[in-house]
């Protein structure tokens, strides 16, 4: 089927899109929700760190990009989502509705959810209303095996945010292939999620088989806060 890729720029959304292509689906466009202020926001649903690179990712993938500013907040945080015009989930509904208008034959939505039932059920809610099919190929996979699979398939990603005991300032900007042994060790010792599903880190994909050329990051600022460190990409 024809598919729109929901992307944050991170490894999960990009790798799920790769899996969509491997399953024989046709990727026709990309979609992204970005913060209003230009900086990271505190969202239950969306990764915003690294959003400055989304347009560049669309360019190296040679695909049209649809974006919307996140207007809503995390209003409905219960297990079951109830439609609320002020919730950030409705921004996703409006975004995908615009994609459907531009590409009426798009049926599938690529979603990089691995373990967050909160995110998955809300995407499913939006897709059901728009009569679209969520494609979550990474869902509930073993995270250690999944990270190895990503690396085996040439997903080159760096950390753009770290917020985890055992990850230090020097690990910001590290390539996942270099960080993998440490992540495995932290998982074995402290139960750290190897793929970062507990918010331990966020990533940006610099190159993968879907890209026609690699991203080149030239200007970044490292922001140090009490409980996390992140890159702000200029």
Protein backbone atom coordinates (compact mmCIF):
# COMPACT_ATOMS: atom_id res chain seq x y z
CA UNK A 1 0.00 0.00 0.00
CA UNK A 2 0.99 3.65 -0.27
CA UNK A 3 2.38 4.97 2.99
CA UNK A 4 3.05 8.27 4.74
CA UNK A 5 5.97 8.18 7.15
CA UNK A 6 5.53 9.88 10.51
CA UNK A 7 9.08 10.91 11.31
CA UNK A 8 10.82 12.65 14.17
CA UNK A 9 14.28 12.24 12.66
CA UNK A 10 15.10 9.58 15.23
CA UNK A 11 16.10 5.97 14.65
CA UNK A 12 12.73 4.38 15.43
CA UNK A 13 10.60 6.36 12.99
CA UNK A 14 13.21 6.11 10.23
CA UNK A 15 13.84 2.40 10.74
CA UNK A 16 10.12 1.58 10.76
CA UNK A 17 9.88 3.39 7.43
CA UNK A 18 12.73 1.24 6.16
CA UNK A 19 10.82 -1.84 7.30
CA UNK A 20 7.74 -0.58 5.43
CA UNK A 21 9.74 -0.46 2.23
CA UNK A 22 11.18 -3.92 2.90
CA UNK A 23 7.60 -5.20 3.28
CA UNK A 24 6.80 -3.91 -0.21
CA UNK A 25 4.95 -0.71 0.66
CA UNK A 26 5.45 2.50 -1.33
CA UNK A 27 6.55 5.55 0.66
CA UNK A 28 4.93 8.58 -0.96
CA UNK A 29 5.52 11.36 1.58
CA UNK A 30 6.68 12.26 5.08
CA UNK A 31 4.85 13.99 7.93
CA UNK A 32 6.14 15.71 11.04
CA UNK A 33 4.82 17.71 13.96
CA UNK A 34 7.14 20.47 15.14
CA UNK A 35 7.24 22.67 18.26
CA UNK A 36 5.79 26.16 18.17
CA UNK A 37 8.76 27.91 19.74
CA UNK A 38 11.57 26.32 17.73
CA UNK A 39 12.91 24.51 20.79
CA UNK A 40 12.12 21.19 22.41
CA UNK A 41 8.74 20.82 24.10
CA UNK A 42 7.60 18.51 26.88
CA UNK A 43 5.30 16.14 25.00
CA UNK A 44 3.85 12.74 25.82
CA UNK A 45 3.55 11.99 22.10
CA UNK A 46 6.28 13.56 20.01
CA UNK A 47 10.07 13.84 19.87
CA UNK A 48 10.94 17.43 19.09
CA UNK A 49 14.70 17.55 19.72
CA UNK A 50 16.41 17.48 16.33
CA UNK A 51 13.36 18.87 14.54
CA UNK A 52 15.61 21.39 12.77
CA UNK A 53 16.82 18.58 10.49
CA UNK A 54 13.43 17.30 9.31
CA UNK A 55 13.41 19.32 6.08
CA UNK A 56 16.93 18.12 5.29
CA UNK A 57 15.83 14.52 5.85
CA UNK A 58 12.97 14.98 3.39
CA UNK A 59 15.45 16.40 0.88
CA UNK A 60 17.88 13.48 1.13
CA UNK A 61 14.95 11.05 0.87
CA UNK A 62 13.57 13.03 -2.09
CA UNK A 63 10.05 12.94 -0.70
CA UNK A 64 7.44 15.66 -0.13
CA UNK A 65 7.11 16.75 3.49
CA UNK A 66 3.99 17.83 5.37
CA UNK A 67 4.45 19.62 8.70
CA UNK A 68 2.25 21.16 11.34
CA UNK A 69 3.02 23.13 14.47
CA UNK A 70 1.95 21.40 17.68
CA UNK A 71 -0.81 23.61 19.08
CA UNK A 72 -2.32 21.26 21.64
CA UNK A 73 -1.06 19.91 24.92
CA UNK A 74 -1.21 16.61 26.78
CA UNK A 75 -4.81 16.96 27.95
CA UNK A 76 -6.10 13.40 27.75
CA UNK A 77 -3.45 11.31 29.47
CA UNK A 78 -5.61 8.39 30.52
CA UNK A 79 -5.17 4.91 29.08
CA UNK A 80 -8.02 5.40 26.61
CA UNK A 81 -7.93 8.54 24.48
CA UNK A 82 -11.08 10.69 24.35
CA UNK A 83 -11.19 13.22 21.51
CA UNK A 84 -10.27 16.64 22.87
CA UNK A 85 -9.77 19.62 20.54
CA UNK A 86 -7.09 20.97 22.88
CA UNK A 87 -5.01 17.78 22.91
CA UNK A 88 -1.84 17.39 20.85
CA UNK A 89 -3.26 14.21 19.34
CA UNK A 90 -5.64 16.38 17.32
CA UNK A 91 -2.63 18.05 15.68
CA UNK A 92 -1.74 14.63 14.31
CA UNK A 93 -5.31 14.18 13.09
CA UNK A 94 -5.22 17.51 11.24
CA UNK A 95 -1.80 16.75 9.77
CA UNK A 96 -2.75 13.32 8.45
CA UNK A 97 -6.06 14.67 7.18
CA UNK A 98 -4.07 17.16 5.08
CA UNK A 99 -1.90 14.31 3.79
CA UNK A 100 -5.03 12.35 2.84
CA UNK A 101 -6.35 15.36 0.95
CA UNK A 102 -3.10 15.66 -1.02
CA UNK A 103 -2.71 11.89 -1.51
CA UNK A 104 -6.20 10.31 -1.44
CA UNK A 105 -4.77 6.86 -2.16
CA UNK A 106 -2.49 6.84 0.90
CA UNK A 107 -3.67 4.05 3.17
CA UNK A 108 -0.81 3.31 5.58
CA UNK A 109 0.89 5.33 8.30
CA UNK A 110 4.41 4.34 9.34
CA UNK A 111 4.78 4.61 13.11
CA UNK A 112 8.01 4.01 15.02
CA UNK A 113 6.41 2.95 18.32
CA UNK A 114 8.28 0.20 20.16
CA UNK A 115 6.85 -0.03 23.67
CA UNK A 116 4.68 3.03 24.35
CA UNK A 117 1.06 1.91 24.46
CA UNK A 118 0.16 5.56 25.10
CA UNK A 119 1.56 6.61 21.71
CA UNK A 120 0.39 3.56 19.79
CA UNK A 121 -3.24 3.73 20.91
CA UNK A 122 -3.47 7.42 20.06
CA UNK A 123 -2.06 6.93 16.59
CA UNK A 124 -4.51 4.05 16.14
CA UNK A 125 -7.35 6.36 17.21
CA UNK A 126 -6.37 8.94 14.59
CA UNK A 127 -5.92 6.31 11.89
CA UNK A 128 -9.30 4.75 12.62
CA UNK A 129 -11.02 8.12 12.20
CA UNK A 130 -9.24 8.70 8.89
CA UNK A 131 -9.68 5.10 7.70
CA UNK A 132 -5.92 4.58 7.55
CA UNK A 133 -3.81 1.61 8.66
CA UNK A 134 -1.04 2.10 11.25
CA UNK A 135 2.11 0.14 10.40
CA UNK A 136 4.09 -0.53 13.58
CA UNK A 137 6.72 -3.08 12.60
CA UNK A 138 8.90 -2.41 15.65
CA UNK A 139 6.14 -2.90 18.19
CA UNK A 140 7.02 -5.03 21.21
CA UNK A 141 10.29 -6.29 19.71
CA UNK A 142 13.21 -7.19 21.98
CA UNK A 143 15.09 -3.91 22.25
CA UNK A 144 18.56 -5.41 22.30
CA UNK A 145 17.85 -7.43 19.18
CA UNK A 146 16.12 -4.47 17.55
CA UNK A 147 19.06 -2.11 18.05
CA UNK A 148 21.40 -4.73 16.61
CA UNK A 149 19.05 -5.13 13.64
CA UNK A 150 19.09 -1.38 13.05
CA UNK A 151 22.87 -1.33 13.06
CA UNK A 152 23.03 -4.38 10.78
CA UNK A 153 20.83 -2.49 8.31
CA UNK A 154 23.12 0.55 8.31
CA UNK A 155 21.07 2.94 10.42
CA UNK A 156 23.69 5.55 11.35
CA UNK A 157 22.29 7.61 14.22
CA UNK A 158 23.75 9.88 16.88
CA UNK A 159 22.41 10.87 20.28
CA UNK A 160 20.93 14.36 20.38
CA UNK A 161 19.64 14.11 23.96
CA UNK A 162 20.68 12.04 26.95
CA UNK A 163 18.79 11.80 30.23
CA UNK A 164 19.94 8.61 31.89
CA UNK A 165 22.13 7.49 34.77
CA UNK A 166 25.29 6.07 33.25
CA UNK A 167 25.23 8.26 30.14
CA UNK A 168 27.57 11.22 30.51
CA UNK A 169 28.00 14.56 28.77
CA UNK A 170 30.68 13.03 26.55
CA UNK A 171 28.07 10.66 25.10
CA UNK A 172 26.03 13.44 23.48
CA UNK A 173 26.61 13.23 19.73
CA UNK A 174 27.88 9.65 20.00
CA UNK A 175 27.07 7.18 17.24
CA UNK A 176 24.79 4.38 18.40
CA UNK A 177 27.14 1.72 17.08
CA UNK A 178 29.77 3.05 19.51
CA UNK A 179 27.30 3.44 22.37
CA UNK A 180 25.73 -0.02 22.00
CA UNK A 181 28.07 -1.89 24.42
CA UNK A 182 27.46 0.69 27.14
CA UNK A 183 23.69 0.57 26.62
CA UNK A 184 23.73 -3.22 26.96
CA UNK A 185 25.78 -2.93 30.14
CA UNK A 186 23.42 -0.32 31.61
CA UNK A 187 20.45 -2.52 30.73
CA UNK A 188 21.97 -5.51 32.50
CA UNK A 189 22.92 -3.49 35.59
CA UNK A 190 20.05 -1.04 35.96
CA UNK A 191 17.30 -2.06 33.54
CA UNK A 192 17.94 0.83 31.15
CA UNK A 193 15.91 0.53 27.95
CA UNK A 194 18.46 -0.25 25.23
CA UNK A 195 16.43 1.57 22.57
CA UNK A 196 15.73 4.51 24.88
CA UNK A 197 12.03 3.77 25.35
CA UNK A 198 12.21 5.09 28.90
CA UNK A 199 13.38 8.50 27.68
CA UNK A 200 17.03 7.61 28.32
CA UNK A 201 18.14 9.20 25.05
CA UNK A 202 16.91 10.57 21.72
CA UNK A 203 18.60 10.19 18.36
CA UNK A 204 18.99 11.73 14.92
CA UNK A 205 19.61 9.55 11.87
CA UNK A 206 22.48 10.86 9.74
CA UNK A 207 22.39 8.14 7.10
CA UNK A 208 20.48 4.99 6.17
CA UNK A 209 19.50 3.02 3.05
CA UNK A 210 16.52 5.36 2.50
CA UNK A 211 18.78 8.42 2.18
CA UNK A 212 20.31 9.38 -1.16
CA UNK A 213 23.12 11.10 0.73
CA UNK A 214 24.16 11.51 4.35
CA UNK A 215 23.16 14.45 6.52
CA UNK A 216 26.02 16.70 7.55
CA UNK A 217 25.61 18.56 10.84
CA UNK A 218 27.75 21.69 10.86
CA UNK A 219 26.62 23.84 13.76
CA UNK A 220 25.30 22.64 17.11
CA UNK A 221 25.05 24.00 20.62
CA UNK A 222 25.17 21.69 23.63
CA UNK A 223 22.58 22.57 26.27
CA UNK A 224 23.24 21.32 29.81
CA UNK A 225 20.33 21.02 32.24
CA UNK A 226 20.05 19.39 35.64
CA UNK A 227 18.59 16.12 34.34
CA UNK A 228 19.54 16.01 30.66
CA UNK A 229 21.94 17.19 27.97
CA UNK A 230 20.88 17.88 24.40
CA UNK A 231 22.07 19.23 21.07
CA UNK A 232 20.36 22.29 19.66
CA UNK A 233 21.04 22.18 15.93
CA UNK A 234 21.41 25.55 14.24
